[in-house]
Amino acid sequence: MTNAKKQAEEIAQLKKELAEVKAAVPKPQKSSAELERENREWMDQMHQMRERRMNFTTPPSVVRDMAGGVTEADCADLRRASHRPTGPSPMAPSSPPVTGVRRGVAGDGTGWSREISLGPSPHQRYVDAQLDAADARDKAERIRQEAQLTTMDRLDDHWWQTRLDDEFEENDWVEIGGFWERRSAMPSFHRSKRDRDF
């Protein structure tokens, strides 16, 4: 063995032993001050997390108000209100009718106005005419598009059929003596101007 090889083996052996010694050495334990600092940091993080969560809760005063619910006095008031009349009484009035009071007429400053009948606006016919014209344009456009697509489909079908016919002619296989051979490869095959290799 040469001297360089011997040194390389010794260096490798020493590196291996050093790695084993480093692995066997116990790792240093943290001091109590470091452990206390880490515990305080962890507790601070948990406290901040709880504070963020509490930002989304309902305040205790609102919870108390909702827990109180409806009191008995509120229920009694609701019962009384449900039995009160809501409009003019159908019975005869208790006081005598007032005479000499003239009802207001539209436009005399009393607040009355003329009656407006319910129904479609007189201008609705213009909107209807515009919508009908738009529908007619859309229908004509759809018919034109369908006719164009039909024409394109027919052209595509014709093109594909021509391609298939050409391929069939070129690849016309026949059985001769139990073997399949291309007719175009036979010496007696007549070529036409449509063939690619004419």
Protein backbone atom coordinates (compact mmCIF):
# COMPACT_ATOMS: atom_id res chain seq x y z
CA MET A 1 0.00 0.00 0.00
CA THR A 2 1.18 3.40 -0.74
CA ASN A 3 1.61 6.04 1.86
CA ALA A 4 -1.20 8.26 0.44
CA LYS A 5 -3.69 5.38 0.56
CA LYS A 6 -2.68 4.59 4.13
CA GLN A 7 -3.21 8.20 5.21
CA ALA A 8 -6.60 8.36 3.46
CA GLU A 9 -7.74 5.20 5.30
CA GLU A 10 -6.53 6.57 8.65
CA ILE A 11 -8.32 9.88 8.03
CA ALA A 12 -11.54 8.05 7.14
CA GLN A 13 -11.21 5.88 10.27
CA LEU A 14 -10.62 8.95 12.46
CA LYS A 15 -13.61 10.76 10.94
CA LYS A 16 -15.81 7.73 11.65
CA GLU A 17 -14.62 7.54 15.28
CA LEU A 18 -15.17 11.30 15.73
CA ALA A 19 -18.74 10.99 14.45
CA GLU A 20 -19.41 8.12 16.89
CA VAL A 21 -18.00 10.12 19.80
CA LYS A 22 -20.10 13.17 18.88
CA ALA A 23 -23.21 11.00 18.72
CA ALA A 24 -22.46 9.49 22.13
CA VAL A 25 -21.98 12.86 23.85
CA PRO A 26 -25.25 13.85 25.58
CA LYS A 27 -26.84 17.07 24.43
CA PRO A 28 -26.66 19.91 26.94
CA GLN A 29 -29.79 20.47 29.01
CA LYS A 30 -31.41 23.88 28.95
CA SER A 31 -30.95 26.00 32.02
CA SER A 32 -33.89 26.78 34.27
CA ALA A 33 -33.83 30.40 33.10
CA GLU A 34 -34.16 29.32 29.45
CA LEU A 35 -36.99 26.93 30.30
CA GLU A 36 -38.78 29.64 32.26
CA ARG A 37 -38.40 32.10 29.33
CA GLU A 38 -39.79 29.52 26.85
CA ASN A 39 -42.74 28.81 29.18
CA ARG A 40 -43.52 32.54 29.47
CA GLU A 41 -43.37 32.93 25.67
CA TRP A 42 -45.73 29.97 25.20
CA MET A 43 -48.17 31.34 27.81
CA ASP A 44 -48.06 34.75 26.12
CA GLN A 45 -48.87 33.18 22.74
CA MET A 46 -51.83 31.28 24.24
CA HIS A 47 -53.09 34.45 25.93
CA GLN A 48 -52.91 36.40 22.65
CA MET A 49 -54.79 33.60 20.89
CA ARG A 50 -57.57 33.71 23.52
CA GLU A 51 -57.75 37.52 23.23
CA ARG A 52 -58.15 37.30 19.43
CA ARG A 53 -60.90 34.70 19.85
CA MET A 54 -62.73 36.86 22.39
CA ASN A 55 -62.78 39.78 19.94
CA PHE A 56 -65.47 37.86 18.01
CA THR A 57 -67.75 37.02 20.95
CA THR A 58 -70.91 38.82 22.05
CA PRO A 59 -70.41 41.17 25.01
CA PRO A 60 -71.70 39.82 28.37
CA SER A 61 -74.17 42.72 28.76
CA VAL A 62 -75.86 41.78 25.48
CA VAL A 63 -76.00 38.13 26.54
CA ARG A 64 -77.66 39.15 29.85
CA ASP A 65 -80.21 41.29 28.01
CA MET A 66 -81.07 38.46 25.63
CA ALA A 67 -81.24 35.93 28.47
CA GLY A 68 -83.77 38.14 30.26
CA GLY A 69 -86.16 37.64 27.37
CA VAL A 70 -89.66 39.08 27.35
CA THR A 71 -91.05 40.06 30.75
CA GLU A 72 -94.59 39.46 31.98
CA ALA A 73 -95.39 43.16 31.53
CA ASP A 74 -94.34 42.93 27.88
CA CYS A 75 -96.59 39.90 27.38
CA ALA A 76 -99.58 41.68 28.97
CA ASP A 77 -99.00 44.74 26.75
CA LEU A 78 -98.87 42.53 23.65
CA ARG A 79 -102.17 40.87 24.64
CA ARG A 80 -103.87 44.24 25.14
CA ALA A 81 -102.51 45.54 21.81
CA SER A 82 -103.80 42.50 19.95
CA HIS A 83 -107.38 43.22 21.08
CA ARG A 84 -107.37 46.93 20.17
CA PRO A 85 -109.30 47.95 17.06
CA THR A 86 -107.05 48.66 14.10
CA GLY A 87 -109.37 50.77 11.95
CA PRO A 88 -112.61 52.77 12.04
CA SER A 89 -115.37 51.10 13.97
CA PRO A 90 -118.27 49.66 11.95
CA MET A 91 -120.68 50.72 14.71
CA ALA A 92 -122.50 54.06 14.68
CA PRO A 93 -120.36 56.96 15.90
CA SER A 94 -121.01 58.10 19.42
CA SER A 95 -120.89 61.79 18.49
CA PRO A 96 -123.36 63.44 16.06
CA PRO A 97 -122.11 63.93 12.48
CA VAL A 98 -120.60 67.28 11.63
CA THR A 99 -122.61 69.16 8.99
CA GLY A 100 -121.61 71.97 6.70
CA VAL A 101 -118.14 70.55 6.00
CA ARG A 102 -117.45 70.40 2.34
CA ARG A 103 -115.32 67.52 0.99
CA GLY A 104 -112.31 68.59 -0.97
CA VAL A 105 -112.24 68.62 -4.74
CA ALA A 106 -109.17 67.86 -6.80
CA GLY A 107 -107.03 70.93 -7.29
CA ASP A 108 -108.70 73.25 -4.74
CA GLY A 109 -105.72 73.20 -2.35
CA THR A 110 -107.28 70.74 0.10
CA GLY A 111 -104.79 67.98 -0.66
CA TRP A 112 -107.14 65.95 -2.81
CA SER A 113 -106.04 64.98 -6.30
CA ARG A 114 -107.69 63.48 -9.31
CA GLU A 115 -108.15 59.73 -9.48
CA ILE A 116 -105.56 57.84 -11.50
CA SER A 117 -106.79 54.57 -12.93
CA LEU A 118 -104.68 51.49 -12.52
CA GLY A 119 -103.49 49.83 -15.70
CA PRO A 120 -100.69 49.80 -18.22
CA SER A 121 -98.94 53.01 -19.07
CA PRO A 122 -100.05 54.69 -22.32
CA HIS A 123 -96.40 54.57 -23.39
CA GLN A 124 -96.21 50.79 -22.99
CA ARG A 125 -96.96 50.32 -26.70
CA TYR A 126 -93.58 51.88 -27.58
CA VAL A 127 -91.74 49.43 -25.33
CA ASP A 128 -93.74 46.53 -26.79
CA ALA A 129 -92.89 47.63 -30.34
CA GLN A 130 -89.17 47.79 -29.51
CA LEU A 131 -89.24 44.34 -27.90
CA ASP A 132 -91.12 42.85 -30.86
CA ALA A 133 -88.56 44.31 -33.29
CA ALA A 134 -85.68 42.93 -31.21
CA ASP A 135 -87.32 39.48 -31.11
CA ALA A 136 -87.76 39.52 -34.89
CA ARG A 137 -84.06 40.44 -35.38
CA ASP A 138 -82.94 37.70 -32.99
CA LYS A 139 -85.11 35.11 -34.70
CA ALA A 140 -83.79 36.07 -38.16
CA GLU A 141 -80.21 35.87 -36.85
CA ARG A 142 -80.83 32.39 -35.37
CA ILE A 143 -82.34 31.17 -38.64
CA ARG A 144 -79.34 32.55 -40.57
CA GLN A 145 -76.87 30.89 -38.18
CA GLU A 146 -78.68 27.54 -38.38
CA ALA A 147 -78.69 27.69 -42.19
CA GLN A 148 -74.98 28.52 -42.20
CA LEU A 149 -74.21 25.62 -39.83
CA THR A 150 -76.26 23.23 -41.93
CA THR A 151 -74.39 24.31 -45.07
CA MET A 152 -71.04 23.92 -43.31
CA ASP A 153 -72.05 20.46 -42.07
CA ARG A 154 -72.96 19.40 -45.59
CA LEU A 155 -69.63 20.68 -46.94
CA ASP A 156 -67.74 18.91 -44.15
CA ASP A 157 -69.62 15.67 -44.82
CA HIS A 158 -68.82 15.91 -48.55
CA TRP A 159 -65.15 16.65 -47.83
CA TRP A 160 -64.82 13.72 -45.43
CA GLN A 161 -66.60 11.38 -47.79
CA THR A 162 -64.22 12.38 -50.61
CA ARG A 163 -61.25 11.75 -48.32
CA LEU A 164 -62.59 8.33 -47.36
CA ASP A 165 -63.22 7.44 -51.00
CA ASP A 166 -59.66 8.46 -51.94
CA GLU A 167 -58.16 6.48 -49.08
CA PHE A 168 -60.24 3.47 -49.97
CA GLU A 169 -58.99 3.58 -53.56
CA GLU A 170 -55.38 3.87 -52.50
CA ASN A 171 -55.62 1.11 -49.91
CA ASP A 172 -57.64 -1.34 -51.96
CA TRP A 173 -56.51 -4.69 -50.54
CA VAL A 174 -57.32 -7.95 -52.32
CA GLU A 175 -56.75 -11.55 -51.37
CA ILE A 176 -54.55 -13.46 -53.82
CA GLY A 177 -53.59 -17.01 -53.01
CA GLY A 178 -54.40 -16.63 -49.32
CA PHE A 179 -52.35 -13.46 -49.00
CA TRP A 180 -53.68 -9.90 -48.76
CA GLU A 181 -52.00 -7.56 -51.22
CA ARG A 182 -52.60 -3.97 -52.24
CA ARG A 183 -54.01 -3.68 -55.70
CA SER A 184 -52.11 -0.43 -56.25
CA ALA A 185 -48.81 -2.24 -55.61
CA MET A 186 -49.45 -4.76 -58.40
CA PRO A 187 -47.73 -4.18 -61.74
CA SER A 188 -51.03 -4.44 -63.64
CA PHE A 189 -52.66 -1.64 -61.59
CA HIS A 190 -53.73 1.31 -63.73
CA ARG A 191 -52.95 4.68 -62.16
CA SER A 192 -55.13 7.71 -62.69
CA LYS A 193 -54.44 11.42 -62.40
CA ARG A 194 -56.14 11.45 -58.97
CA ASP A 195 -53.40 9.28 -57.47
CA ARG A 196 -50.81 11.06 -55.40
CA ASP A 197 -47.85 9.30 -57.01
CA PHE A 198 -49.04 9.55 -60.63
